[in-house]
Protein backbone atom coordinates (compact mmCIF):
# COMPACT_ATOMS: atom_id res chain seq x y z
CA MET A 1 -121.25 -224.13 133.13
CA LEU A 2 -123.39 -225.74 135.84
CA VAL A 3 -121.93 -223.88 138.82
CA THR A 4 -121.30 -220.15 139.15
CA ILE A 5 -117.60 -219.70 139.78
CA ASP A 6 -116.02 -216.90 141.78
CA GLU A 7 -114.15 -214.56 139.42
CA ASN A 8 -110.89 -214.84 141.41
CA ARG A 9 -110.47 -218.58 140.70
CA SER A 10 -107.87 -219.86 138.27
CA THR A 11 -108.77 -221.44 134.95
CA LEU A 12 -107.57 -224.84 136.14
CA MET A 13 -109.87 -224.62 139.13
CA ALA A 14 -112.74 -223.52 136.88
CA PHE A 15 -112.08 -226.48 134.58
CA ALA A 16 -111.98 -228.87 137.55
CA ILE A 17 -115.24 -227.48 138.93
CA ASP A 18 -116.91 -227.80 135.52
CA GLY A 19 -115.70 -231.38 135.17
CA ALA A 20 -116.91 -232.27 138.65
CA SER A 21 -120.28 -230.66 137.91
CA TRP A 22 -120.75 -232.77 134.78
CA LEU A 23 -119.69 -235.95 136.57
CA LEU A 24 -122.14 -235.22 139.38
CA LEU A 25 -124.87 -234.65 136.81
CA LEU A 26 -124.08 -237.99 135.13
CA ALA A 27 -124.11 -239.78 138.48
CA LEU A 28 -127.41 -238.10 139.30
CA ALA A 29 -128.98 -239.34 136.06
CA LEU A 30 -127.75 -242.89 136.67
CA CYS A 31 -129.08 -242.73 140.21
CA PHE A 32 -132.54 -241.70 139.01
CA LEU A 33 -132.44 -244.55 136.53
CA ARG A 34 -131.73 -247.03 139.34
CA ILE A 35 -134.54 -245.56 141.45
CA VAL A 36 -137.02 -245.97 138.58
CA ARG A 37 -135.91 -249.38 137.32
CA GLY A 38 -135.12 -250.82 140.67
CA PRO A 39 -135.78 -254.25 140.68
CA THR A 40 -136.04 -254.44 144.50
CA LEU A 41 -136.86 -251.99 147.24
CA ALA A 42 -133.33 -252.35 148.64
CA ASP A 43 -131.89 -251.22 145.28
CA ARG A 44 -134.09 -248.16 145.36
CA VAL A 45 -133.09 -247.31 148.94
CA VAL A 46 -129.39 -247.60 148.10
CA ALA A 47 -129.91 -245.40 145.03
CA LEU A 48 -131.71 -242.85 147.20
CA ASP A 49 -128.80 -242.88 149.64
CA VAL A 50 -126.37 -242.32 146.78
CA LEU A 51 -128.61 -239.47 145.59
CA ASN A 52 -128.30 -237.89 149.04
CA ILE A 53 -124.52 -238.28 148.93
CA LEU A 54 -124.48 -236.61 145.51
CA ALA A 55 -126.49 -233.70 146.92
CA VAL A 56 -123.92 -233.32 149.71
CA ALA A 57 -121.12 -233.43 147.13
CA TYR A 58 -122.87 -230.76 145.06
CA CYS A 59 -123.18 -228.52 148.13
CA ALA A 60 -119.45 -228.97 148.75
CA LEU A 61 -118.75 -228.16 145.11
CA LEU A 62 -120.81 -225.00 145.43
CA ALA A 63 -118.81 -224.05 148.52
CA VAL A 64 -115.54 -224.47 146.63
CA ALA A 65 -116.81 -222.68 143.52
CA SER A 66 -118.32 -219.70 145.28
CA GLY A 67 -115.92 -219.44 148.20
CA ARG A 68 -118.81 -219.33 150.67
CA ALA A 69 -118.73 -221.58 153.71
CA VAL A 70 -122.51 -221.48 154.15
CA TYR A 71 -122.83 -224.27 151.58
CA LEU A 72 -120.72 -226.52 153.81
CA ASP A 73 -123.21 -225.98 156.62
CA ALA A 74 -125.99 -227.04 154.28
CA ALA A 75 -123.96 -230.09 153.24
CA ILE A 76 -123.45 -231.16 156.86
CA ALA A 77 -127.14 -230.73 157.69
CA LEU A 78 -128.15 -232.64 154.56
CA ALA A 79 -125.73 -235.47 155.38
CA LEU A 80 -127.17 -235.83 158.88
CA VAL A 81 -130.75 -235.92 157.64
CA ALA A 82 -129.82 -238.32 154.83
CA PHE A 83 -128.28 -240.72 157.34
CA LEU A 84 -131.47 -240.74 159.40
CA VAL A 85 -133.59 -241.32 156.30
CA THR A 86 -131.41 -244.24 155.24
CA VAL A 87 -131.63 -245.83 158.69
CA ALA A 88 -135.42 -245.42 158.67
CA PHE A 89 -135.70 -247.06 155.24
CA ALA A 90 -133.43 -249.92 156.34
CA ARG A 91 -135.63 -250.57 159.38
CA PHE A 92 -138.71 -250.46 157.17
CA ILE A 93 -137.22 -253.04 154.80
CA GLU A 94 -136.17 -255.24 157.71
CA ARG A 95 -139.62 -255.13 159.28
CA SER A 96 -141.39 -255.83 156.01
CA HIS A 97 -139.04 -258.76 155.36
CA THR A 98 -139.69 -260.14 158.85
CA HIS A 99 -143.43 -259.67 158.40
CA ASN A 100 -143.37 -261.50 155.05
CA SER A 101 -141.36 -264.36 156.58
CA ASP A 102 -143.88 -264.71 159.41
CA ASN A 103 -146.77 -264.82 156.91
CA ARG A 104 -145.02 -267.54 154.90
CA GLU A 105 -144.47 -269.63 158.03
CA GLU A 106 -148.14 -269.28 158.99
CA GLN A 107 -149.24 -270.34 155.51
CA THR A 108 -146.89 -273.33 155.60
CA ASP A 109 -148.22 -274.37 159.01
CA ALA A 110 -151.82 -274.00 157.80
CA ASN A 111 -151.14 -276.20 154.76
CA ARG A 112 -149.80 -279.08 156.89
């Protein structure tokens, strides 16, 4: 069992929480694989964003399993920070792409 379940939960709920925990773990492993193998920076950024979404989902799962709402607060805070990180990475990729395009144009002009 990956998540500690409140003793007052039904067996069906415990089974559902266990299943969701294993599916989140599988998605997490696949996400790490995409981050490592990549091929492009954009693929890695998308995988990192999915990893953040999985962390939010795990916090929500903990809230359901334990019956404590504090995990939902953590999930909301994590989602807000993850959004800002994704926007920052997207701007970084856009700027590096624009910078590379400018360098190619300068090299083409110099070769003429």
